[in-house]
Amino acid sequence: AIMLAFLIVIAAGLRYGIETFARTSEL
């Protein structure tokens, strides 16, 4: 369950693309 929750967020990051998670890192 812990790994699934973690991977759901990773999958979202991969789908939105590098520019999105790069901007999130800035925040």
PDB file of all heavy atoms in Angstrom:
ATOM      1  N   ALA A   1       0.836  -1.209   0.000  1.00  0.00           N
ATOM      2  CA  ALA A   1       0.000   0.000   0.000  1.00  0.00           C
ATOM      3  C   ALA A   1       0.868   1.256   0.000  1.00  0.00           C
ATOM      4  O   ALA A   1       0.554   2.248  -0.678  1.00  0.00           O
ATOM      5  CB  ALA A   1      -0.928  -0.010   1.214  1.00  0.00           C
ATOM      6  N   ILE A   2       1.966   1.234   0.747  1.00  0.00           N
ATOM      7  CA  ILE A   2       2.871   2.380   0.796  1.00  0.00           C
ATOM      8  C   ILE A   2       3.510   2.603  -0.575  1.00  0.00           C
ATOM      9  O   ILE A   2       3.566   3.728  -1.082  1.00  0.00           O
ATOM     10  CB  ILE A   2       3.949   2.159   1.879  1.00  0.00           C
ATOM     11  CG1 ILE A   2       3.297   2.091   3.267  1.00  0.00           C
ATOM     12  CG2 ILE A   2       4.993   3.275   1.833  1.00  0.00           C
ATOM     13  CD1 ILE A   2       4.226   1.660   4.366  1.00  0.00           C
ATOM     14  N   MET A   3       3.973   1.513  -1.184  1.00  0.00           N
ATOM     15  CA  MET A   3       4.599   1.633  -2.505  1.00  0.00           C
ATOM     16  C   MET A   3       3.596   2.090  -3.555  1.00  0.00           C
ATOM     17  O   MET A   3       3.920   2.897  -4.436  1.00  0.00           O
ATOM     18  CB  MET A   3       5.227   0.295  -2.902  1.00  0.00           C
ATOM     19  CG  MET A   3       6.480  -0.038  -2.111  1.00  0.00           C
ATOM     20  SD  MET A   3       7.335  -1.500  -2.722  1.00  0.00           S
ATOM     21  CE  MET A   3       6.272  -2.789  -2.116  1.00  0.00           C
ATOM     22  N   LEU A   4       2.367   1.598  -3.473  1.00  0.00           N
ATOM     23  CA  LEU A   4       1.339   1.994  -4.437  1.00  0.00           C
ATOM     24  C   LEU A   4       1.052   3.486  -4.348  1.00  0.00           C
ATOM     25  O   LEU A   4       0.976   4.185  -5.375  1.00  0.00           O
ATOM     26  CB  LEU A   4       0.061   1.193  -4.200  1.00  0.00           C
ATOM     27  CG  LEU A   4      -1.133   1.551  -5.104  1.00  0.00           C
ATOM     28  CD1 LEU A   4      -0.775   1.304  -6.569  1.00  0.00           C
ATOM     29  CD2 LEU A   4      -2.360   0.760  -4.701  1.00  0.00           C
ATOM     30  N   ALA A   5       0.902   4.005  -3.125  1.00  0.00           N
ATOM     31  CA  ALA A   5       0.649   5.440  -2.957  1.00  0.00           C
ATOM     32  C   ALA A   5       1.799   6.269  -3.525  1.00  0.00           C
ATOM     33  O   ALA A   5       1.591   7.299  -4.178  1.00  0.00           O
ATOM     34  CB  ALA A   5       0.444   5.752  -1.474  1.00  0.00           C
ATOM     35  N   PHE A   6       3.029   5.817  -3.294  1.00  0.00           N
ATOM     36  CA  PHE A   6       4.211   6.512  -3.789  1.00  0.00           C
ATOM     37  C   PHE A   6       4.247   6.493  -5.316  1.00  0.00           C
ATOM     38  O   PHE A   6       4.532   7.509  -5.963  1.00  0.00           O
ATOM     39  CB  PHE A   6       5.446   5.821  -3.205  1.00  0.00           C
ATOM     40  CG  PHE A   6       6.704   6.642  -3.263  1.00  0.00           C
ATOM     41  CD1 PHE A   6       6.847   7.786  -2.510  1.00  0.00           C
ATOM     42  CD2 PHE A   6       7.762   6.244  -4.064  1.00  0.00           C
ATOM     43  CE1 PHE A   6       8.006   8.535  -2.552  1.00  0.00           C
ATOM     44  CE2 PHE A   6       8.930   6.982  -4.115  1.00  0.00           C
ATOM     45  CZ  PHE A   6       9.055   8.129  -3.355  1.00  0.00           C
ATOM     46  N   LEU A   7       3.933   5.345  -5.900  1.00  0.00           N
ATOM     47  CA  LEU A   7       4.011   5.199  -7.348  1.00  0.00           C
ATOM     48  C   LEU A   7       2.888   5.945  -8.076  1.00  0.00           C
ATOM     49  O   LEU A   7       3.061   6.350  -9.230  1.00  0.00           O
ATOM     50  CB  LEU A   7       3.977   3.715  -7.721  1.00  0.00           C
ATOM     51  CG  LEU A   7       5.294   2.969  -7.486  1.00  0.00           C
ATOM     52  CD1 LEU A   7       5.100   1.475  -7.644  1.00  0.00           C
ATOM     53  CD2 LEU A   7       6.369   3.468  -8.448  1.00  0.00           C
ATOM     54  N   ILE A   8       1.751   6.124  -7.434  1.00  0.00           N
ATOM     55  CA  ILE A   8       0.674   6.898  -8.050  1.00  0.00           C
ATOM     56  C   ILE A   8       1.140   8.331  -8.306  1.00  0.00           C
ATOM     57  O   ILE A   8       0.901   8.905  -9.385  1.00  0.00           O
ATOM     58  CB  ILE A   8      -0.587   6.882  -7.160  1.00  0.00           C
ATOM     59  CG1 ILE A   8      -1.263   5.493  -7.225  1.00  0.00           C
ATOM     60  CG2 ILE A   8      -1.572   7.967  -7.592  1.00  0.00           C
ATOM     61  CD1 ILE A   8      -2.400   5.321  -6.248  1.00  0.00           C
ATOM     62  N   VAL A   9       1.854   8.900  -7.329  1.00  0.00           N
ATOM     63  CA  VAL A   9       2.358  10.268  -7.497  1.00  0.00           C
ATOM     64  C   VAL A   9       3.460  10.307  -8.556  1.00  0.00           C
ATOM     65  O   VAL A   9       3.543  11.248  -9.354  1.00  0.00           O
ATOM     66  CB  VAL A   9       2.874  10.812  -6.151  1.00  0.00           C
ATOM     67  CG1 VAL A   9       3.271  12.278  -6.296  1.00  0.00           C
ATOM     68  CG2 VAL A   9       1.818  10.669  -5.068  1.00  0.00           C
ATOM     69  N   ILE A  10       4.315   9.287  -8.581  1.00  0.00           N
ATOM     70  CA  ILE A  10       5.363   9.225  -9.599  1.00  0.00           C
ATOM     71  C   ILE A  10       4.742   9.127 -10.991  1.00  0.00           C
ATOM     72  O   ILE A  10       5.186   9.797 -11.939  1.00  0.00           O
ATOM     73  CB  ILE A  10       6.310   8.047  -9.325  1.00  0.00           C
ATOM     74  CG1 ILE A  10       7.192   8.357  -8.119  1.00  0.00           C
ATOM     75  CG2 ILE A  10       7.173   7.739 -10.545  1.00  0.00           C
ATOM     76  CD1 ILE A  10       8.149   7.253  -7.739  1.00  0.00           C
ATOM     77  N   ALA A  11       3.709   8.283 -11.126  1.00  0.00           N
ATOM     78  CA  ALA A  11       3.034   8.144 -12.427  1.00  0.00           C
ATOM     79  C   ALA A  11       2.446   9.472 -12.880  1.00  0.00           C
ATOM     80  O   ALA A  11       2.537   9.832 -14.063  1.00  0.00           O
ATOM     81  CB  ALA A  11       1.938   7.078 -12.330  1.00  0.00           C
ATOM     82  N   ALA A  12       1.862  10.220 -11.948  1.00  0.00           N
ATOM     83  CA  ALA A  12       1.318  11.540 -12.290  1.00  0.00           C
ATOM     84  C   ALA A  12       2.429  12.476 -12.764  1.00  0.00           C
ATOM     85  O   ALA A  12       2.270  13.207 -13.746  1.00  0.00           O
ATOM     86  CB  ALA A  12       0.586  12.133 -11.094  1.00  0.00           C
ATOM     87  N   GLY A  13       3.567  12.455 -12.058  1.00  0.00           N
ATOM     88  CA  GLY A  13       4.697  13.293 -12.461  1.00  0.00           C
ATOM     89  C   GLY A  13       5.203  12.949 -13.852  1.00  0.00           C
ATOM     90  O   GLY A  13       5.509  13.832 -14.654  1.00  0.00           O
ATOM     91  N   LEU A  14       5.283  11.655 -14.149  1.00  0.00           N
ATOM     92  CA  LEU A  14       5.736  11.230 -15.474  1.00  0.00           C
ATOM     93  C   LEU A  14       4.746  11.634 -16.562  1.00  0.00           C
ATOM     94  O   LEU A  14       5.137  12.018 -17.669  1.00  0.00           O
ATOM     95  CB  LEU A  14       5.943   9.710 -15.490  1.00  0.00           C
ATOM     96  CG  LEU A  14       7.065   9.166 -14.610  1.00  0.00           C
ATOM     97  CD1 LEU A  14       7.099   7.642 -14.677  1.00  0.00           C
ATOM     98  CD2 LEU A  14       8.423   9.738 -15.019  1.00  0.00           C
ATOM     99  N   ARG A  15       3.467  11.545 -16.261  1.00  0.00           N
ATOM    100  CA  ARG A  15       2.454  11.898 -17.251  1.00  0.00           C
ATOM    101  C   ARG A  15       2.441  13.406 -17.540  1.00  0.00           C
ATOM    102  O   ARG A  15       2.270  13.824 -18.682  1.00  0.00           O
ATOM    103  CB  ARG A  15       1.065  11.463 -16.771  1.00  0.00           C
ATOM    104  CG  ARG A  15       0.819   9.975 -16.845  1.00  0.00           C
ATOM    105  CD  ARG A  15       0.738   9.492 -18.280  1.00  0.00           C
ATOM    106  NE  ARG A  15      -0.376  10.106 -19.012  1.00  0.00           N
ATOM    107  CZ  ARG A  15      -0.562   9.972 -20.318  1.00  0.00           C
ATOM    108  NH1 ARG A  15       0.308   9.290 -21.050  1.00  0.00           N
ATOM    109  NH2 ARG A  15      -1.601  10.535 -20.906  1.00  0.00           N
ATOM    110  N   TYR A  16       2.618  14.216 -16.503  1.00  0.00           N
ATOM    111  CA  TYR A  16       2.591  15.669 -16.704  1.00  0.00           C
ATOM    112  C   TYR A  16       3.861  16.186 -17.376  1.00  0.00           C
ATOM    113  O   TYR A  16       3.850  17.259 -17.972  1.00  0.00           O
ATOM    114  CB  TYR A  16       2.375  16.391 -15.372  1.00  0.00           C
ATOM    115  CG  TYR A  16       0.935  16.389 -14.928  1.00  0.00           C
ATOM    116  CD1 TYR A  16       0.546  15.726 -13.772  1.00  0.00           C
ATOM    117  CD2 TYR A  16      -0.043  17.059 -15.659  1.00  0.00           C
ATOM    118  CE1 TYR A  16      -0.783  15.717 -13.364  1.00  0.00           C
ATOM    119  CE2 TYR A  16      -1.373  17.059 -15.253  1.00  0.00           C
ATOM    120  CZ  TYR A  16      -1.732  16.389 -14.102  1.00  0.00           C
ATOM    121  OH  TYR A  16      -3.046  16.375 -13.698  1.00  0.00           O
ATOM    122  N   GLY A  17       4.958  15.458 -17.243  1.00  0.00           N
ATOM    123  CA  GLY A  17       6.173  15.837 -17.953  1.00  0.00           C
ATOM    124  C   GLY A  17       7.195  16.554 -17.092  1.00  0.00           C
ATOM    125  O   GLY A  17       6.913  17.005 -15.984  1.00  0.00           O
ATOM    126  N   ILE A  18       8.387  16.675 -17.644  1.00  0.00           N
ATOM    127  CA  ILE A  18       9.526  17.174 -16.867  1.00  0.00           C
ATOM    128  C   ILE A  18       9.368  18.636 -16.476  1.00  0.00           C
ATOM    129  O   ILE A  18       9.797  19.054 -15.395  1.00  0.00           O
ATOM    130  CB  ILE A  18      10.838  16.964 -17.652  1.00  0.00           C
ATOM    131  CG1 ILE A  18      12.033  17.300 -16.759  1.00  0.00           C
ATOM    132  CG2 ILE A  18      10.855  17.770 -18.936  1.00  0.00           C
ATOM    133  CD1 ILE A  18      13.351  16.888 -17.336  1.00  0.00           C
ATOM    134  N   GLU A  19       8.755  19.453 -17.321  1.00  0.00           N
ATOM    135  CA  GLU A  19       8.616  20.868 -16.996  1.00  0.00           C
ATOM    136  C   GLU A  19       7.740  21.056 -15.769  1.00  0.00           C
ATOM    137  O   GLU A  19       8.011  21.913 -14.914  1.00  0.00           O
ATOM    138  CB  GLU A  19       8.035  21.632 -18.186  1.00  0.00           C
ATOM    139  CG  GLU A  19       8.060  23.141 -17.996  1.00  0.00           C
ATOM    140  CD  GLU A  19       7.700  23.895 -19.257  1.00  0.00           C
ATOM    141  OE1 GLU A  19       7.805  23.321 -20.361  1.00  0.00           O
ATOM    142  OE2 GLU A  19       7.310  25.070 -19.126  1.00  0.00           O
ATOM    143  N   THR A  20       6.731  20.219 -15.636  1.00  0.00           N
ATOM    144  CA  THR A  20       5.828  20.338 -14.484  1.00  0.00           C
ATOM    145  C   THR A  20       6.528  19.974 -13.185  1.00  0.00           C
ATOM    146  O   THR A  20       6.468  20.727 -12.200  1.00  0.00           O
ATOM    147  CB  THR A  20       4.600  19.435 -14.690  1.00  0.00           C
ATOM    148  OG1 THR A  20       3.914  19.834 -15.873  1.00  0.00           O
ATOM    149  CG2 THR A  20       3.650  19.540 -13.507  1.00  0.00           C
ATOM    150  N   PHE A  21       7.224  18.811 -13.161  1.00  0.00           N
ATOM    151  CA  PHE A  21       7.836  18.461 -11.877  1.00  0.00           C
ATOM    152  C   PHE A  21       9.101  19.275 -11.599  1.00  0.00           C
ATOM    153  O   PHE A  21       9.524  19.400 -10.452  1.00  0.00           O
ATOM    154  CB  PHE A  21       8.054  16.952 -11.704  1.00  0.00           C
ATOM    155  CG  PHE A  21       8.997  16.259 -12.649  1.00  0.00           C
ATOM    156  CD1 PHE A  21      10.361  16.389 -12.518  1.00  0.00           C
ATOM    157  CD2 PHE A  21       8.510  15.399 -13.626  1.00  0.00           C
ATOM    158  CE1 PHE A  21      11.230  15.711 -13.350  1.00  0.00           C
ATOM    159  CE2 PHE A  21       9.368  14.702 -14.459  1.00  0.00           C
ATOM    160  CZ  PHE A  21      10.740  14.865 -14.329  1.00  0.00           C
ATOM    161  N   ALA A  22       9.700  19.886 -12.628  1.00  0.00           N
ATOM    162  CA  ALA A  22      10.806  20.807 -12.384  1.00  0.00           C
ATOM    163  C   ALA A  22      10.299  22.082 -11.702  1.00  0.00           C
ATOM    164  O   ALA A  22      10.933  22.599 -10.778  1.00  0.00           O
ATOM    165  CB  ALA A  22      11.502  21.150 -13.699  1.00  0.00           C
ATOM    166  N   ARG A  23       9.143  22.574 -12.159  1.00  0.00           N
ATOM    167  CA  ARG A  23       8.558  23.764 -11.519  1.00  0.00           C
ATOM    168  C   ARG A  23       8.111  23.461 -10.092  1.00  0.00           C
ATOM    169  O   ARG A  23       8.228  24.299  -9.192  1.00  0.00           O
ATOM    170  CB  ARG A  23       7.387  24.268 -12.350  1.00  0.00           C
ATOM    171  CG  ARG A  23       7.792  24.884 -13.680  1.00  0.00           C
ATOM    172  CD  ARG A  23       6.590  25.331 -14.486  1.00  0.00           C
ATOM    173  NE  ARG A  23       6.977  25.937 -15.745  1.00  0.00           N
ATOM    174  CZ  ARG A  23       6.122  26.429 -16.618  1.00  0.00           C
ATOM    175  NH1 ARG A  23       4.821  26.379 -16.365  1.00  0.00           N
ATOM    176  NH2 ARG A  23       6.544  26.951 -17.750  1.00  0.00           N
ATOM    177  N   THR A  24       7.601  22.254  -9.884  1.00  0.00           N
ATOM    178  CA  THR A  24       7.198  21.869  -8.529  1.00  0.00           C
ATOM    179  C   THR A  24       8.400  21.837  -7.593  1.00  0.00           C
ATOM    180  O   THR A  24       8.298  22.223  -6.423  1.00  0.00           O
ATOM    181  CB  THR A  24       6.513  20.487  -8.550  1.00  0.00           C
ATOM    182  OG1 THR A  24       5.437  20.509  -9.490  1.00  0.00           O
ATOM    183  CG2 THR A  24       5.964  20.126  -7.176  1.00  0.00           C
ATOM    184  N   SER A  25       9.537  21.393  -8.101  1.00  0.00           N
ATOM    185  CA  SER A  25      10.753  21.378  -7.267  1.00  0.00           C
ATOM    186  C   SER A  25      11.132  22.793  -6.843  1.00  0.00           C
ATOM    187  O   SER A  25      11.612  23.000  -5.724  1.00  0.00           O
ATOM    188  CB  SER A  25      11.903  20.721  -8.024  1.00  0.00           C
ATOM    189  OG  SER A  25      12.374  21.536  -9.081  1.00  0.00           O
ATOM    190  N   GLU A  26      10.901  23.773  -7.725  1.00  0.00           N
ATOM    191  CA  GLU A  26      11.185  25.165  -7.368  1.00  0.00           C
ATOM    192  C   GLU A  26      10.299  25.640  -6.225  1.00  0.00           C
ATOM    193  O   GLU A  26      10.735  26.422  -5.372  1.00  0.00           O
ATOM    194  CB  GLU A  26      10.970  26.061  -8.587  1.00  0.00           C
ATOM    195  CG  GLU A  26      12.225  26.414  -9.330  1.00  0.00           C
ATOM    196  CD  GLU A  26      12.004  27.463 -10.391  1.00  0.00           C
ATOM    197  OE1 GLU A  26      11.060  27.316 -11.184  1.00  0.00           O
ATOM    198  OE2 GLU A  26      12.795  28.421 -10.438  1.00  0.00           O
ATOM    199  N   LEU A  27       9.056  25.183  -6.205  1.00  0.00           N
ATOM    200  CA  LEU A  27       8.147  25.570  -5.122  1.00  0.00           C
ATOM    201  C   LEU A  27       8.549  24.912  -3.802  1.00  0.00           C
ATOM    202  O   LEU A  27       8.448  25.521  -2.732  1.00  0.00           O
ATOM    203  CB  LEU A  27       6.713  25.172  -5.483  1.00  0.00           C
ATOM    204  CG  LEU A  27       6.060  25.920  -6.652  1.00  0.00           C
ATOM    205  CD1 LEU A  27       4.685  25.320  -6.953  1.00  0.00           C
ATOM    206  CD2 LEU A  27       5.929  27.404  -6.332  1.00  0.00           C
TER     207      LEU A  27
END
